[in-house]
Amino acid sequence: MTENKYGLDLEITSLWYIPFWKSPTFYAIIISSLILLLIVLIYFFYKKRNLKNQDPVVLLIKSLNHNYNDLDKIDAQSFYFNLIYDYKKFINYKYKFAVFDKTDREFKYFLSSHQELDRKLIDLLTIILDDSYLVRFTKSSINKSKMESDLQQTIKVMQQIISSENR
C-alpha cells in the first residue's frame, strides 16, 4: 500500500469504474425488454391472424345481435335503413355483388333478377323492403314486435345460408 504525505491511499487499482453498458444490470434490462417485445409481437400477430381468418359474413351476423339488442331505443326508420344496409353488406360479402349504390327499388329488382341468390333470402328481403318503404317514406308506424320478427328472421335466414354452404 502506497501512501502519500497526506495519508491517502494512492493505489487505485482496487476501484474500477464499470460503464453502465458493460454492467450485468444493463444486459438484464436489454434481455427483459427483448423478451417483452417478442411477447407483444406474438400477441398482436395471433390476434390479427384470428381476425383475418374469421369470415366477414359470420362477423356481420354476430354484429346484428349486438347492434339491435334494444329495439325500444331505436326508431323504425333508422332500424329499417340499417337493416337494409346490413343486407347489402351480406350480399356484397357473400355473393360479391355491388349493391351499395342501389336504391330500394333497384335493389328489389336486382334480387328478383339474380337466380343464384337463395330464394328464402329474396322472399324475406322483399317483405322487409316493403316494410322499410312504408316506414321510411310514407311515415307509417310499425310495432316493435314486427321489427323484432324481421330481425330474427334476418338472422335465421343468414345463418341458414351460411350453414347450407358449409355442408
N, C-alpha and C. Protein backbone atom coordinates (compact mmCIF):
# COMPACT_ATOMS: atom_id res chain seq x y z
N MET A 1 0.85 -1.16 0.00
CA MET A 1 0.00 0.00 0.00
C MET A 1 0.89 1.22 0.00
N THR A 2 0.63 2.08 -0.92
CA THR A 2 1.43 3.30 -1.03
C THR A 2 0.62 4.46 -0.53
N GLU A 3 1.26 5.23 0.32
CA GLU A 3 0.57 6.40 0.86
C GLU A 3 1.38 7.63 0.53
N ASN A 4 0.74 8.73 0.40
CA ASN A 4 1.44 9.98 0.19
C ASN A 4 1.58 10.68 1.53
N LYS A 5 2.08 11.88 1.48
CA LYS A 5 2.33 12.59 2.74
C LYS A 5 1.05 12.99 3.45
N TYR A 6 -0.09 12.92 2.77
CA TYR A 6 -1.37 13.27 3.40
C TYR A 6 -2.10 12.06 3.96
N GLY A 7 -1.57 10.88 3.79
CA GLY A 7 -2.17 9.67 4.31
C GLY A 7 -3.24 9.07 3.41
N LEU A 8 -3.24 9.44 2.16
CA LEU A 8 -4.23 8.90 1.22
C LEU A 8 -3.67 7.69 0.50
N ASP A 9 -4.53 6.73 0.27
CA ASP A 9 -4.14 5.53 -0.47
C ASP A 9 -4.12 5.87 -1.95
N LEU A 10 -2.99 5.72 -2.58
CA LEU A 10 -2.86 6.09 -4.00
C LEU A 10 -3.02 4.89 -4.93
N GLU A 11 -3.22 3.72 -4.39
CA GLU A 11 -3.38 2.56 -5.25
C GLU A 11 -4.86 2.49 -5.68
N ILE A 12 -5.07 2.85 -6.90
CA ILE A 12 -6.46 2.95 -7.38
C ILE A 12 -6.90 1.72 -8.19
N THR A 13 -6.10 0.70 -8.19
CA THR A 13 -6.46 -0.49 -8.95
C THR A 13 -7.59 -1.27 -8.31
N SER A 14 -7.86 -1.03 -7.05
CA SER A 14 -8.94 -1.76 -6.41
C SER A 14 -10.31 -1.19 -6.76
N LEU A 15 -10.42 0.05 -7.12
CA LEU A 15 -11.67 0.67 -7.54
C LEU A 15 -11.66 0.85 -9.05
N TRP A 16 -12.52 0.14 -9.70
CA TRP A 16 -12.61 0.28 -11.14
C TRP A 16 -13.99 0.82 -11.48
N TYR A 17 -14.02 1.78 -12.34
CA TYR A 17 -15.29 2.29 -12.84
C TYR A 17 -15.74 1.38 -13.97
N ILE A 18 -16.95 0.80 -13.84
CA ILE A 18 -17.51 -0.05 -14.89
C ILE A 18 -18.62 0.74 -15.58
N PRO A 19 -18.49 0.97 -16.88
CA PRO A 19 -19.55 1.71 -17.59
C PRO A 19 -20.86 0.92 -17.52
N PHE A 20 -21.99 1.66 -17.59
CA PHE A 20 -23.31 1.04 -17.43
C PHE A 20 -23.57 -0.01 -18.51
N TRP A 21 -23.16 0.23 -19.72
CA TRP A 21 -23.43 -0.70 -20.81
C TRP A 21 -22.61 -1.99 -20.70
N LYS A 22 -21.66 -2.02 -19.77
CA LYS A 22 -20.90 -3.25 -19.53
C LYS A 22 -21.32 -3.95 -18.24
N SER A 23 -22.31 -3.38 -17.56
CA SER A 23 -22.73 -3.96 -16.28
C SER A 23 -23.77 -5.05 -16.50
N PRO A 24 -23.89 -5.98 -15.58
CA PRO A 24 -24.92 -7.03 -15.68
C PRO A 24 -26.34 -6.47 -15.66
N THR A 25 -26.55 -5.36 -14.98
CA THR A 25 -27.88 -4.74 -14.94
C THR A 25 -28.32 -4.31 -16.33
N PHE A 26 -27.42 -3.75 -17.09
CA PHE A 26 -27.73 -3.32 -18.46
C PHE A 26 -28.17 -4.51 -19.31
N TYR A 27 -27.42 -5.61 -19.22
CA TYR A 27 -27.76 -6.79 -20.01
C TYR A 27 -29.10 -7.39 -19.56
N ALA A 28 -29.38 -7.34 -18.28
CA ALA A 28 -30.67 -7.84 -17.80
C ALA A 28 -31.82 -6.99 -18.32
N ILE A 29 -31.64 -5.67 -18.36
CA ILE A 29 -32.67 -4.77 -18.89
C ILE A 29 -32.89 -5.03 -20.38
N ILE A 30 -31.82 -5.19 -21.13
CA ILE A 30 -31.92 -5.43 -22.59
C ILE A 30 -32.62 -6.77 -22.85
N ILE A 31 -32.23 -7.80 -22.17
CA ILE A 31 -32.85 -9.12 -22.38
C ILE A 31 -34.32 -9.09 -21.99
N SER A 32 -34.64 -8.45 -20.88
CA SER A 32 -36.05 -8.35 -20.45
C SER A 32 -36.87 -7.57 -21.47
N SER A 33 -36.31 -6.49 -21.99
CA SER A 33 -37.03 -5.68 -22.99
C SER A 33 -37.26 -6.48 -24.27
N LEU A 34 -36.27 -7.24 -24.70
CA LEU A 34 -36.43 -8.04 -25.91
C LEU A 34 -37.48 -9.13 -25.72
N ILE A 35 -37.48 -9.76 -24.56
CA ILE A 35 -38.49 -10.79 -24.28
C ILE A 35 -39.88 -10.18 -24.26
N LEU A 36 -40.04 -9.03 -23.62
CA LEU A 36 -41.33 -8.34 -23.58
C LEU A 36 -41.78 -7.94 -24.98
N LEU A 37 -40.88 -7.41 -25.79
CA LEU A 37 -41.21 -7.03 -27.16
C LEU A 37 -41.63 -8.25 -27.97
N LEU A 38 -40.95 -9.35 -27.79
CA LEU A 38 -41.31 -10.58 -28.50
C LEU A 38 -42.70 -11.07 -28.10
N ILE A 39 -43.02 -11.01 -26.83
CA ILE A 39 -44.34 -11.42 -26.35
C ILE A 39 -45.43 -10.53 -26.93
N VAL A 40 -45.21 -9.23 -26.96
CA VAL A 40 -46.19 -8.29 -27.52
C VAL A 40 -46.38 -8.53 -29.01
N LEU A 41 -45.30 -8.76 -29.74
CA LEU A 41 -45.40 -9.03 -31.18
C LEU A 41 -46.15 -10.33 -31.46
N ILE A 42 -45.89 -11.35 -30.70
CA ILE A 42 -46.60 -12.62 -30.87
C ILE A 42 -48.09 -12.45 -30.58
N TYR A 43 -48.41 -11.71 -29.53
CA TYR A 43 -49.81 -11.47 -29.18
C TYR A 43 -50.54 -10.77 -30.33
N PHE A 44 -49.98 -9.69 -30.86
CA PHE A 44 -50.65 -8.96 -31.93
C PHE A 44 -50.70 -9.76 -33.23
N PHE A 45 -49.68 -10.56 -33.48
CA PHE A 45 -49.70 -11.41 -34.67
C PHE A 45 -50.85 -12.40 -34.62
N TYR A 46 -51.01 -13.09 -33.49
CA TYR A 46 -52.09 -14.06 -33.36
C TYR A 46 -53.46 -13.39 -33.35
N LYS A 47 -53.54 -12.24 -32.72
CA LYS A 47 -54.82 -11.53 -32.70
C LYS A 47 -55.23 -11.11 -34.11
N LYS A 48 -54.28 -10.58 -34.87
CA LYS A 48 -54.57 -10.16 -36.24
C LYS A 48 -54.89 -11.37 -37.12
N ARG A 49 -54.18 -12.45 -36.91
CA ARG A 49 -54.41 -13.66 -37.70
C ARG A 49 -55.79 -14.24 -37.42
N ASN A 50 -56.22 -14.22 -36.18
CA ASN A 50 -57.55 -14.74 -35.83
C ASN A 50 -58.65 -13.88 -36.43
N LEU A 51 -58.46 -12.56 -36.48
CA LEU A 51 -59.46 -11.69 -37.09
C LEU A 51 -59.52 -11.88 -38.59
N LYS A 52 -58.37 -12.13 -39.22
CA LYS A 52 -58.37 -12.34 -40.67
C LYS A 52 -59.04 -13.66 -41.04
N ASN A 53 -58.91 -14.67 -40.19
CA ASN A 53 -59.47 -15.97 -40.50
C ASN A 53 -60.98 -16.03 -40.33
N GLN A 54 -61.56 -15.05 -39.64
CA GLN A 54 -63.00 -15.06 -39.46
C GLN A 54 -63.69 -14.53 -40.71
N ASP A 55 -64.72 -15.20 -41.07
CA ASP A 55 -65.50 -14.82 -42.24
C ASP A 55 -66.25 -13.51 -41.95
N PRO A 56 -66.19 -12.52 -42.84
CA PRO A 56 -66.91 -11.26 -42.58
C PRO A 56 -68.42 -11.46 -42.48
N VAL A 57 -68.94 -12.48 -43.14
CA VAL A 57 -70.38 -12.75 -43.06
C VAL A 57 -70.75 -13.21 -41.64
N VAL A 58 -69.93 -14.04 -41.06
CA VAL A 58 -70.18 -14.51 -39.69
C VAL A 58 -70.07 -13.33 -38.72
N LEU A 59 -69.08 -12.48 -38.94
CA LEU A 59 -68.94 -11.29 -38.09
C LEU A 59 -70.15 -10.37 -38.24
N LEU A 60 -70.70 -10.27 -39.45
CA LEU A 60 -71.88 -9.44 -39.68
C LEU A 60 -73.08 -9.99 -38.92
N ILE A 61 -73.26 -11.30 -38.95
CA ILE A 61 -74.39 -11.91 -38.23
C ILE A 61 -74.24 -11.69 -36.72
N LYS A 62 -73.02 -11.82 -36.22
CA LYS A 62 -72.79 -11.56 -34.79
C LYS A 62 -73.08 -10.11 -34.44
N SER A 63 -72.72 -9.21 -35.34
CA SER A 63 -72.95 -7.79 -35.06
C SER A 63 -74.44 -7.44 -35.12
N LEU A 64 -75.23 -8.19 -35.87
CA LEU A 64 -76.67 -7.91 -35.93
C LEU A 64 -77.30 -8.06 -34.55
N ASN A 65 -76.94 -9.12 -33.85
CA ASN A 65 -77.47 -9.30 -32.49
C ASN A 65 -77.04 -8.18 -31.57
N HIS A 66 -75.81 -7.76 -31.71
CA HIS A 66 -75.27 -6.73 -30.83
C HIS A 66 -75.84 -5.34 -31.14
N ASN A 67 -75.97 -5.02 -32.41
CA ASN A 67 -76.41 -3.67 -32.81
C ASN A 67 -77.88 -3.41 -32.51
N TYR A 68 -78.69 -4.45 -32.53
CA TYR A 68 -80.13 -4.26 -32.36
C TYR A 68 -80.64 -4.92 -31.08
N ASN A 69 -79.83 -4.92 -30.03
CA ASN A 69 -80.25 -5.62 -28.82
C ASN A 69 -81.32 -4.87 -28.04
N ASP A 70 -81.48 -3.58 -28.25
CA ASP A 70 -82.51 -2.82 -27.54
C ASP A 70 -83.34 -2.05 -28.58
N LEU A 71 -84.39 -2.69 -29.08
CA LEU A 71 -85.19 -2.09 -30.13
C LEU A 71 -86.08 -0.96 -29.64
N ASP A 72 -86.28 -0.86 -28.33
CA ASP A 72 -87.12 0.21 -27.79
C ASP A 72 -86.48 1.58 -27.99
N LYS A 73 -85.17 1.61 -28.05
CA LYS A 73 -84.46 2.88 -28.20
C LYS A 73 -84.23 3.26 -29.66
N ILE A 74 -84.56 2.37 -30.58
CA ILE A 74 -84.31 2.61 -32.00
C ILE A 74 -85.63 2.94 -32.68
N ASP A 75 -85.65 4.02 -33.45
CA ASP A 75 -86.87 4.32 -34.19
C ASP A 75 -86.92 3.44 -35.44
N ALA A 76 -88.11 3.24 -35.97
CA ALA A 76 -88.34 2.30 -37.06
C ALA A 76 -87.61 2.70 -38.33
N GLN A 77 -87.55 3.99 -38.60
CA GLN A 77 -86.87 4.44 -39.83
C GLN A 77 -85.40 4.07 -39.83
N SER A 78 -84.71 4.38 -38.75
CA SER A 78 -83.28 4.05 -38.71
C SER A 78 -83.06 2.54 -38.62
N PHE A 79 -83.98 1.82 -37.96
CA PHE A 79 -83.87 0.37 -37.89
C PHE A 79 -83.90 -0.24 -39.29
N TYR A 80 -84.90 0.13 -40.08
CA TYR A 80 -85.01 -0.45 -41.42
C TYR A 80 -83.92 0.04 -42.35
N PHE A 81 -83.51 1.27 -42.20
CA PHE A 81 -82.40 1.77 -43.01
C PHE A 81 -81.14 0.95 -42.74
N ASN A 82 -80.84 0.72 -41.46
CA ASN A 82 -79.64 -0.05 -41.10
C ASN A 82 -79.79 -1.52 -41.45
N LEU A 83 -81.00 -2.05 -41.33
CA LEU A 83 -81.21 -3.46 -41.67
C LEU A 83 -81.01 -3.69 -43.17
N ILE A 84 -81.52 -2.81 -43.99
CA ILE A 84 -81.31 -2.92 -45.45
C ILE A 84 -79.82 -2.79 -45.77
N TYR A 85 -79.15 -1.87 -45.08
CA TYR A 85 -77.71 -1.71 -45.29
C TYR A 85 -76.96 -2.98 -44.89
N ASP A 86 -77.37 -3.62 -43.80
CA ASP A 86 -76.74 -4.87 -43.39
C ASP A 86 -77.01 -5.98 -44.41
N TYR A 87 -78.20 -6.00 -44.98
CA TYR A 87 -78.48 -6.96 -46.06
C TYR A 87 -77.56 -6.71 -47.25
N LYS A 88 -77.37 -5.47 -47.59
CA LYS A 88 -76.48 -5.16 -48.72
C LYS A 88 -75.05 -5.60 -48.42
N LYS A 89 -74.62 -5.41 -47.17
CA LYS A 89 -73.29 -5.89 -46.79
C LYS A 89 -73.22 -7.42 -46.90
N PHE A 90 -74.27 -8.09 -46.45
CA PHE A 90 -74.31 -9.56 -46.52
C PHE A 90 -74.20 -10.03 -47.96
N ILE A 91 -74.98 -9.44 -48.84
CA ILE A 91 -74.96 -9.85 -50.25
C ILE A 91 -73.62 -9.49 -50.90
N ASN A 92 -73.06 -8.37 -50.50
CA ASN A 92 -71.76 -7.98 -51.04
C ASN A 92 -70.67 -8.95 -50.59
N TYR A 93 -70.66 -9.32 -49.31
CA TYR A 93 -69.64 -10.24 -48.81
C TYR A 93 -69.83 -11.65 -49.34
N LYS A 94 -71.08 -12.10 -49.35
CA LYS A 94 -71.35 -13.49 -49.65
C LYS A 94 -71.32 -13.78 -51.16
N TYR A 95 -71.96 -12.91 -51.93
CA TYR A 95 -72.10 -13.19 -53.36
C TYR A 95 -71.26 -12.27 -54.24
N LYS A 96 -70.57 -11.33 -53.64
CA LYS A 96 -69.69 -10.40 -54.36
C LYS A 96 -70.43 -9.55 -55.39
N PHE A 97 -71.63 -9.11 -55.04
CA PHE A 97 -72.41 -8.22 -55.90
C PHE A 97 -72.28 -6.80 -55.35
N ALA A 98 -72.12 -5.85 -56.23
CA ALA A 98 -72.05 -4.44 -55.83
C ALA A 98 -73.47 -3.91 -55.71
N VAL A 99 -73.97 -3.81 -54.49
CA VAL A 99 -75.35 -3.39 -54.28
C VAL A 99 -75.46 -2.14 -53.42
N PHE A 100 -74.36 -1.60 -52.97
CA PHE A 100 -74.42 -0.44 -52.07
C PHE A 100 -74.97 0.81 -52.74
N ASP A 101 -74.76 0.93 -54.02
CA ASP A 101 -75.19 2.15 -54.71
C ASP A 101 -76.63 2.04 -55.24
N LYS A 102 -77.31 0.97 -54.94
CA LYS A 102 -78.67 0.78 -55.45
C LYS A 102 -79.70 1.32 -54.47
N THR A 103 -80.77 1.90 -55.03
CA THR A 103 -81.89 2.33 -54.20
C THR A 103 -82.70 1.09 -53.82
N ASP A 104 -83.70 1.28 -53.00
CA ASP A 104 -84.51 0.13 -52.57
C ASP A 104 -85.21 -0.53 -53.75
N ARG A 105 -85.73 0.26 -54.66
CA ARG A 105 -86.40 -0.32 -55.84
C ARG A 105 -85.42 -1.07 -56.73
N GLU A 106 -84.27 -0.45 -56.97
CA GLU A 106 -83.25 -1.11 -57.79
C GLU A 106 -82.75 -2.39 -57.10
N PHE A 107 -82.63 -2.32 -55.81
CA PHE A 107 -82.19 -3.48 -55.04
C PHE A 107 -83.21 -4.61 -55.14
N LYS A 108 -84.48 -4.28 -55.05
CA LYS A 108 -85.55 -5.28 -55.16
C LYS A 108 -85.54 -5.91 -56.56
N TYR A 109 -85.39 -5.10 -57.58
CA TYR A 109 -85.32 -5.62 -58.94
C TYR A 109 -84.07 -6.49 -59.12
N PHE A 110 -82.98 -6.04 -58.56
CA PHE A 110 -81.73 -6.78 -58.63
C PHE A 110 -81.89 -8.16 -58.01
N LEU A 111 -82.56 -8.23 -56.87
CA LEU A 111 -82.77 -9.52 -56.19
C LEU A 111 -83.60 -10.47 -57.04
N SER A 112 -84.64 -9.93 -57.65
CA SER A 112 -85.51 -10.80 -58.45
C SER A 112 -84.84 -11.26 -59.74
N SER A 113 -83.84 -10.53 -60.21
CA SER A 113 -83.20 -10.89 -61.48
C SER A 113 -82.03 -11.86 -61.32
N HIS A 114 -81.56 -12.08 -60.10
CA HIS A 114 -80.43 -12.99 -59.89
C HIS A 114 -80.91 -14.30 -59.28
N GLN A 115 -80.81 -15.35 -60.07
CA GLN A 115 -81.30 -16.66 -59.64
C GLN A 115 -80.34 -17.38 -58.70
N GLU A 116 -79.06 -16.95 -58.64
CA GLU A 116 -78.10 -17.64 -57.78
C GLU A 116 -78.26 -17.28 -56.30
N LEU A 117 -79.08 -16.27 -56.02
CA LEU A 117 -79.36 -15.92 -54.64
C LEU A 117 -80.35 -16.92 -54.04
N ASP A 118 -80.24 -17.13 -52.77
CA ASP A 118 -81.13 -18.05 -52.07
C ASP A 118 -82.57 -17.52 -52.11
N ARG A 119 -83.53 -18.39 -52.38
CA ARG A 119 -84.93 -17.98 -52.53
C ARG A 119 -85.51 -17.44 -51.22
N LYS A 120 -85.14 -18.05 -50.09
CA LYS A 120 -85.62 -17.58 -48.79
C LYS A 120 -85.15 -16.14 -48.54
N LEU A 121 -83.91 -15.90 -48.91
CA LEU A 121 -83.35 -14.56 -48.73
C LEU A 121 -84.11 -13.54 -49.58
N ILE A 122 -84.40 -13.89 -50.80
CA ILE A 122 -85.12 -12.97 -51.69
C ILE A 122 -86.53 -12.69 -51.16
N ASP A 123 -87.24 -13.75 -50.74
CA ASP A 123 -88.60 -13.56 -50.22
C ASP A 123 -88.61 -12.69 -48.96
N LEU A 124 -87.70 -12.98 -48.05
CA LEU A 124 -87.65 -12.19 -46.82
C LEU A 124 -87.23 -10.75 -47.10
N LEU A 125 -86.29 -10.59 -47.99
CA LEU A 125 -85.85 -9.23 -48.32
C LEU A 125 -86.96 -8.44 -48.99
N THR A 126 -87.76 -9.08 -49.79
CA THR A 126 -88.88 -8.39 -50.43
C THR A 126 -89.86 -7.89 -49.38
N ILE A 127 -90.16 -8.71 -48.40
CA ILE A 127 -91.07 -8.30 -47.33
C ILE A 127 -90.46 -7.15 -46.53
N ILE A 128 -89.20 -7.28 -46.18
CA ILE A 128 -88.54 -6.25 -45.38
C ILE A 128 -88.40 -4.95 -46.18
N LEU A 129 -88.13 -5.06 -47.46
CA LEU A 129 -88.06 -3.85 -48.29
C LEU A 129 -89.40 -3.15 -48.37
N ASP A 130 -90.49 -3.93 -48.44
CA ASP A 130 -91.82 -3.32 -48.45
C ASP A 130 -92.11 -2.62 -47.12
N ASP A 131 -91.78 -3.30 -46.01
CA ASP A 131 -91.95 -2.67 -44.70
C ASP A 131 -91.09 -1.42 -44.58
N SER A 132 -89.90 -1.53 -45.06
CA SER A 132 -88.97 -0.40 -44.99
C SER A 132 -89.50 0.78 -45.80
N TYR A 133 -90.04 0.48 -46.95
CA TYR A 133 -90.58 1.55 -47.79
C TYR A 133 -91.74 2.25 -47.09
N LEU A 134 -92.61 1.46 -46.47
CA LEU A 134 -93.74 2.05 -45.74
C LEU A 134 -93.28 2.92 -44.58
N VAL A 135 -92.34 2.44 -43.85
CA VAL A 135 -91.89 3.18 -42.66
C VAL A 135 -91.07 4.40 -43.04
N ARG A 136 -90.16 4.24 -43.97
CA ARG A 136 -89.23 5.33 -44.26
C ARG A 136 -89.82 6.43 -45.12
N PHE A 137 -90.73 6.08 -46.03
CA PHE A 137 -91.19 7.10 -46.98
C PHE A 137 -92.63 7.55 -46.77
N THR A 138 -93.47 6.67 -46.24
CA THR A 138 -94.85 7.10 -46.00
C THR A 138 -95.08 7.45 -44.54
N LYS A 139 -94.04 7.32 -43.73
CA LYS A 139 -94.08 7.69 -42.31
C LYS A 139 -95.14 6.92 -41.53
N SER A 140 -95.49 5.74 -42.02
CA SER A 140 -96.45 4.93 -41.25
C SER A 140 -95.73 4.28 -40.08
N SER A 141 -96.47 3.97 -39.05
CA SER A 141 -95.86 3.40 -37.86
C SER A 141 -95.88 1.87 -37.94
N ILE A 142 -94.94 1.28 -37.26
CA ILE A 142 -94.85 -0.17 -37.23
C ILE A 142 -94.50 -0.56 -35.79
N ASN A 143 -95.04 -1.66 -35.32
CA ASN A 143 -94.81 -2.02 -33.92
C ASN A 143 -93.45 -2.70 -33.74
N LYS A 144 -93.00 -2.69 -32.51
CA LYS A 144 -91.68 -3.23 -32.18
C LYS A 144 -91.63 -4.74 -32.38
N SER A 145 -92.76 -5.42 -32.21
CA SER A 145 -92.75 -6.87 -32.39
C SER A 145 -92.49 -7.23 -33.86
N LYS A 146 -93.00 -6.43 -34.79
CA LYS A 146 -92.73 -6.65 -36.21
C LYS A 146 -91.25 -6.42 -36.51
N MET A 147 -90.69 -5.38 -35.89
CA MET A 147 -89.26 -5.12 -36.08
C MET A 147 -88.44 -6.28 -35.52
N GLU A 148 -88.81 -6.76 -34.34
CA GLU A 148 -88.11 -7.90 -33.73
C GLU A 148 -88.23 -9.14 -34.60
N SER A 149 -89.42 -9.36 -35.14
CA SER A 149 -89.65 -10.51 -36.02
C SER A 149 -88.79 -10.42 -37.28
N ASP A 150 -88.74 -9.24 -37.88
CA ASP A 150 -87.90 -9.04 -39.08
C ASP A 150 -86.42 -9.29 -38.77
N LEU A 151 -85.98 -8.81 -37.63
CA LEU A 151 -84.59 -9.01 -37.25
C LEU A 151 -84.28 -10.49 -37.02
N GLN A 152 -85.14 -11.18 -36.30
CA GLN A 152 -84.90 -12.60 -36.03
C GLN A 152 -84.96 -13.43 -37.32
N GLN A 153 -85.88 -13.09 -38.21
CA GLN A 153 -85.94 -13.79 -39.49
C GLN A 153 -84.69 -13.53 -40.31
N THR A 154 -84.20 -12.30 -40.26
CA THR A 154 -82.98 -11.96 -40.97
C THR A 154 -81.82 -12.81 -40.48
N ILE A 155 -81.64 -12.87 -39.18
CA ILE A 155 -80.54 -13.64 -38.61
C ILE A 155 -80.69 -15.12 -38.95
N LYS A 156 -81.92 -15.61 -38.85
CA LYS A 156 -82.18 -17.03 -39.14
C LYS A 156 -81.86 -17.38 -40.58
N VAL A 157 -82.31 -16.56 -41.52
CA VAL A 157 -82.06 -16.84 -42.94
C VAL A 157 -80.57 -16.75 -43.25
N MET A 158 -79.90 -15.74 -42.71
CA MET A 158 -78.46 -15.61 -42.96
C MET A 158 -77.70 -16.82 -42.40
N GLN A 159 -78.08 -17.27 -41.21
CA GLN A 159 -77.42 -18.44 -40.63
C GLN A 159 -77.71 -19.70 -41.43
N GLN A 160 -78.93 -19.83 -41.95
CA GLN A 160 -79.26 -21.00 -42.77
C GLN A 160 -78.44 -21.01 -44.05
N ILE A 161 -78.26 -19.84 -44.64
CA ILE A 161 -77.46 -19.76 -45.87
C ILE A 161 -76.01 -20.15 -45.58
N ILE A 162 -75.48 -19.66 -44.48
CA ILE A 162 -74.11 -19.98 -44.10
C ILE A 162 -73.97 -21.47 -43.82
N SER A 163 -74.90 -22.03 -43.04
CA SER A 163 -74.80 -23.45 -42.68
C SER A 163 -75.03 -24.36 -43.89
N SER A 164 -75.88 -23.96 -44.83
CA SER A 164 -76.12 -24.80 -46.01
C SER A 164 -74.92 -24.81 -46.93
N GLU A 165 -74.16 -23.74 -46.97
CA GLU A 165 -72.98 -23.69 -47.83
C GLU A 165 -71.79 -24.37 -47.17
N ASN A 166 -71.80 -24.52 -45.85
CA ASN A 166 -70.70 -25.18 -45.15
C ASN A 166 -70.81 -26.70 -45.20
N ARG A 167 -71.95 -27.20 -45.59
CA ARG A 167 -72.13 -28.67 -45.65
C ARG A 167 -71.45 -29.26 -46.83
